[in-house]
Protein backbone atom coordinates (compact mmCIF):
# COMPACT_ATOMS: atom_id res chain seq x y z
CA MET A 1 6.18 -51.43 69.19
CA ARG A 2 5.64 -48.70 66.65
CA LEU A 3 7.88 -48.72 63.60
CA PHE A 4 7.07 -45.25 62.26
CA ARG A 5 7.42 -43.23 65.41
CA VAL A 6 9.73 -40.36 64.42
CA VAL A 7 9.68 -38.14 67.46
CA PRO A 8 9.64 -39.68 70.90
CA LYS A 9 6.58 -38.90 73.01
CA SER A 10 8.79 -37.54 75.75
CA VAL A 11 9.79 -34.35 73.86
CA SER A 12 7.86 -31.15 74.30
CA PRO A 13 5.18 -30.03 71.80
CA PHE A 14 7.37 -27.07 70.83
CA GLU A 15 10.27 -29.34 69.89
CA ARG A 16 7.94 -31.53 67.82
CA PHE A 17 6.68 -28.41 66.03
CA VAL A 18 10.25 -27.19 65.32
CA ARG A 19 11.25 -30.61 63.95
CA ALA A 20 8.17 -30.73 61.71
CA MET A 21 8.89 -27.24 60.36
CA ALA A 22 12.52 -28.20 59.72
CA LEU A 23 11.32 -31.24 57.76
CA VAL A 24 8.94 -29.04 55.74
CA ALA A 25 11.80 -26.60 55.06
CA VAL A 26 14.04 -29.42 53.78
CA VAL A 27 11.29 -30.72 51.47
CA ALA A 28 10.59 -27.18 50.20
CA GLY A 29 14.31 -26.65 49.56
CA VAL A 30 14.57 -29.85 47.53
CA VAL A 31 11.48 -28.94 45.50
CA TRP A 32 12.90 -25.46 44.84
CA ALA A 33 16.29 -26.88 43.76
CA PHE A 34 14.65 -29.29 41.30
CA GLU A 35 12.42 -26.51 39.90
CA ALA A 36 15.40 -24.18 39.41
CA ARG A 37 17.45 -26.90 37.70
CA PHE A 38 14.71 -28.02 35.35
CA SER A 39 13.55 -24.50 34.47
CA ARG A 40 17.07 -23.73 33.23
CA LEU A 41 16.99 -26.93 31.19
CA ALA A 42 13.61 -25.96 29.74
CA ASP A 43 14.97 -22.52 28.79
CA ARG A 44 17.98 -24.13 27.10
CA TYR A 45 15.83 -26.56 25.13
CA ALA A 46 13.48 -23.75 24.09
CA ALA A 47 16.48 -21.75 22.86
CA GLU A 48 17.75 -24.75 20.89
CA GLU A 49 14.30 -25.11 19.34
CA THR A 50 14.31 -21.47 18.26
CA ILE A 51 17.87 -21.36 16.92
CA SER A 52 19.75 -24.30 15.44
CA ASP A 53 23.24 -23.86 14.02
CA GLU A 54 24.90 -26.92 12.45
CA THR A 55 28.03 -24.90 11.74
CA ARG A 56 28.36 -23.65 15.33
CA SER A 57 29.37 -20.27 13.92
CA LEU A 58 26.85 -18.07 15.73
CA SER A 59 28.39 -16.25 18.65
CA ASP A 60 26.66 -16.04 22.00
CA ALA A 61 25.94 -12.36 21.32
CA ASP A 62 24.28 -13.20 17.98
CA ARG A 63 22.31 -16.00 19.59
CA GLY A 64 21.23 -13.74 22.44
CA GLU A 65 20.09 -10.99 20.08
CA LEU A 66 18.13 -13.48 17.98
CA LEU A 67 16.50 -14.91 21.11
CA ARG A 68 15.54 -11.43 22.35
CA THR A 69 14.01 -10.62 18.98
CA ALA A 70 12.18 -13.97 18.96
CA GLU A 71 10.74 -13.20 22.40
CA ASP A 72 9.71 -9.74 21.20
CA LEU A 73 8.02 -11.16 18.09
CA LYS A 74 6.18 -13.66 20.30
CA ALA A 75 5.08 -11.03 22.82
CA ARG A 76 4.07 -8.30 20.37
CA PHE A 77 2.77 -10.21 17.36
CA GLY A 78 2.22 -13.80 18.52
CA LEU A 79 4.76 -15.11 16.00
CA GLU A 80 7.27 -17.87 16.69
CA LEU A 81 10.71 -17.44 15.12
CA VAL A 82 12.63 -20.52 13.93
CA VAL A 83 16.18 -19.96 12.67
CA ARG A 84 18.15 -22.84 11.16
CA VAL A 85 21.70 -22.65 9.84
CA PHE A 86 22.61 -25.64 7.66
CA ARG A 87 25.89 -26.69 6.12
CA ALA A 88 24.29 -28.20 3.01
CA ALA A 89 20.77 -27.64 1.68
CA VAL A 90 18.07 -25.79 3.59
CA VAL A 91 15.38 -28.10 4.91
CA VAL A 92 12.10 -26.40 5.83
CA PRO A 93 10.53 -28.14 8.84
CA GLU A 94 6.81 -28.56 9.35
CA LEU A 95 5.49 -25.15 10.39
CA ASN A 96 2.24 -23.91 11.85
CA GLU A 97 0.36 -20.77 10.84
CA LYS A 98 2.19 -18.61 13.41
CA THR A 99 5.80 -19.53 12.68
CA VAL A 100 8.39 -17.48 10.81
CA PHE A 101 11.15 -19.69 9.39
CA ILE A 102 14.55 -18.42 8.29
CA GLY A 103 16.94 -21.02 6.93
CA ILE A 104 20.47 -20.48 5.66
CA SER A 105 22.83 -22.86 3.89
CA THR A 106 26.41 -21.69 4.38
CA GLU A 107 27.98 -24.03 1.81
CA GLY A 108 25.20 -23.69 -0.76
CA LYS A 109 24.99 -19.94 -0.12
CA THR A 110 21.20 -20.08 -0.22
CA ALA A 111 18.51 -18.77 2.08
CA LYS A 112 14.85 -19.60 2.53
CA VAL A 113 12.29 -17.47 4.38
CA VAL A 114 8.78 -18.68 5.11
CA LEU A 115 6.26 -16.32 6.66
CA PRO A 116 2.88 -17.17 8.14
CA PRO A 117 0.01 -16.47 5.70
CA LEU A 118 -1.31 -13.38 7.50
CA ALA A 119 2.14 -11.84 7.92
CA ALA A 120 3.01 -12.57 4.27
CA GLN A 121 -0.21 -10.93 3.12
CA ALA A 122 0.35 -7.90 5.36
CA LEU A 123 3.99 -7.41 4.35
CA GLY A 124 3.36 -7.82 0.63
CA PRO A 125 4.33 -10.37 -2.00
CA ASP A 126 7.89 -9.14 -2.54
CA PHE A 127 8.93 -8.97 1.13
CA VAL A 128 10.19 -12.57 1.27
CA GLY A 129 12.19 -11.99 -1.92
CA VAL A 130 13.78 -8.88 -0.45
CA LEU A 131 14.82 -10.77 2.67
CA GLU A 132 16.16 -13.76 0.74
CA ARG A 133 17.84 -11.90 -2.10
CA ASP A 134 18.85 -8.48 -0.79
CA VAL A 135 19.63 -9.22 2.84
CA LEU A 136 20.52 -12.89 3.30
CA ALA A 137 21.99 -13.81 -0.11
CA ALA A 138 24.06 -10.63 -0.14
CA SER A 139 25.47 -11.41 3.30
CA LEU A 140 26.18 -15.03 2.28
CA ALA A 141 28.09 -13.78 -0.77
CA THR A 142 30.37 -11.70 1.46
CA ALA A 143 30.70 -14.49 4.08
CA GLN A 144 29.08 -12.31 6.75
CA TRP A 145 25.88 -14.28 7.09
CA GLN A 146 25.74 -13.77 10.89
CA LYS A 147 25.29 -10.02 10.36
CA GLY A 148 22.86 -10.66 7.52
CA LEU A 149 20.79 -13.00 9.67
CA ARG A 150 20.55 -10.43 12.46
CA ALA A 151 19.73 -7.73 9.89
CA ALA A 152 16.99 -9.88 8.34
CA VAL A 153 15.36 -10.54 11.70
CA ASP A 154 15.62 -6.86 12.67
CA PHE A 155 14.19 -5.81 9.31
CA LEU A 156 11.28 -8.21 9.76
CA GLU A 157 10.57 -6.82 13.22
CA GLN A 158 10.80 -3.22 11.97
CA GLU A 159 8.39 -3.91 9.12
CA LEU A 160 5.92 -5.61 11.43
CA SER A 161 6.25 -2.74 13.90
CA GLY A 162 5.56 -0.29 11.06
CA LEU A 163 2.39 -2.20 10.24
CA ASP A 164 1.46 -2.21 13.90
CA ALA A 165 1.96 1.56 14.03
CA GLY A 166 -0.45 1.99 11.11
CA GLU A 167 1.86 2.41 8.12
CA LYS A 168 0.29 1.03 4.93
CA LYS A 169 2.13 -1.24 2.52
């Protein structure tokens, strides 16, 4: 008596082949479904790593635009963008030499920008001050920090693109 006999010997070779291919198709379908499910989860976790909003005030459009800009910065310049919106004080996480950090405190009305060393050197010593003071702090003062955050990220990308195009600072 054989315990693991799946297909009786009496069926034709063609039927055995069809059954084996159906089994392979079912296994492939399950593998595909798991891959699709977990790739969406990985994308969601990557987005949460890039943008964190304690106040839950960023709209989906703002979040999407920030994510597109983050992907563009990664593709064109090799820079990671980390955006954090805090209720209280801004806490700068541990960063590597390729990470741009933009932190905003909505209650404290403060902003902190940290650029990687090479980008900071290329953009000049007053660039971070311009972003913090003129773009982010001004938008926090008028309670339109979402627009200011998008403007700051766009301004950063434009300045880096200008450097990439050969404009001198």
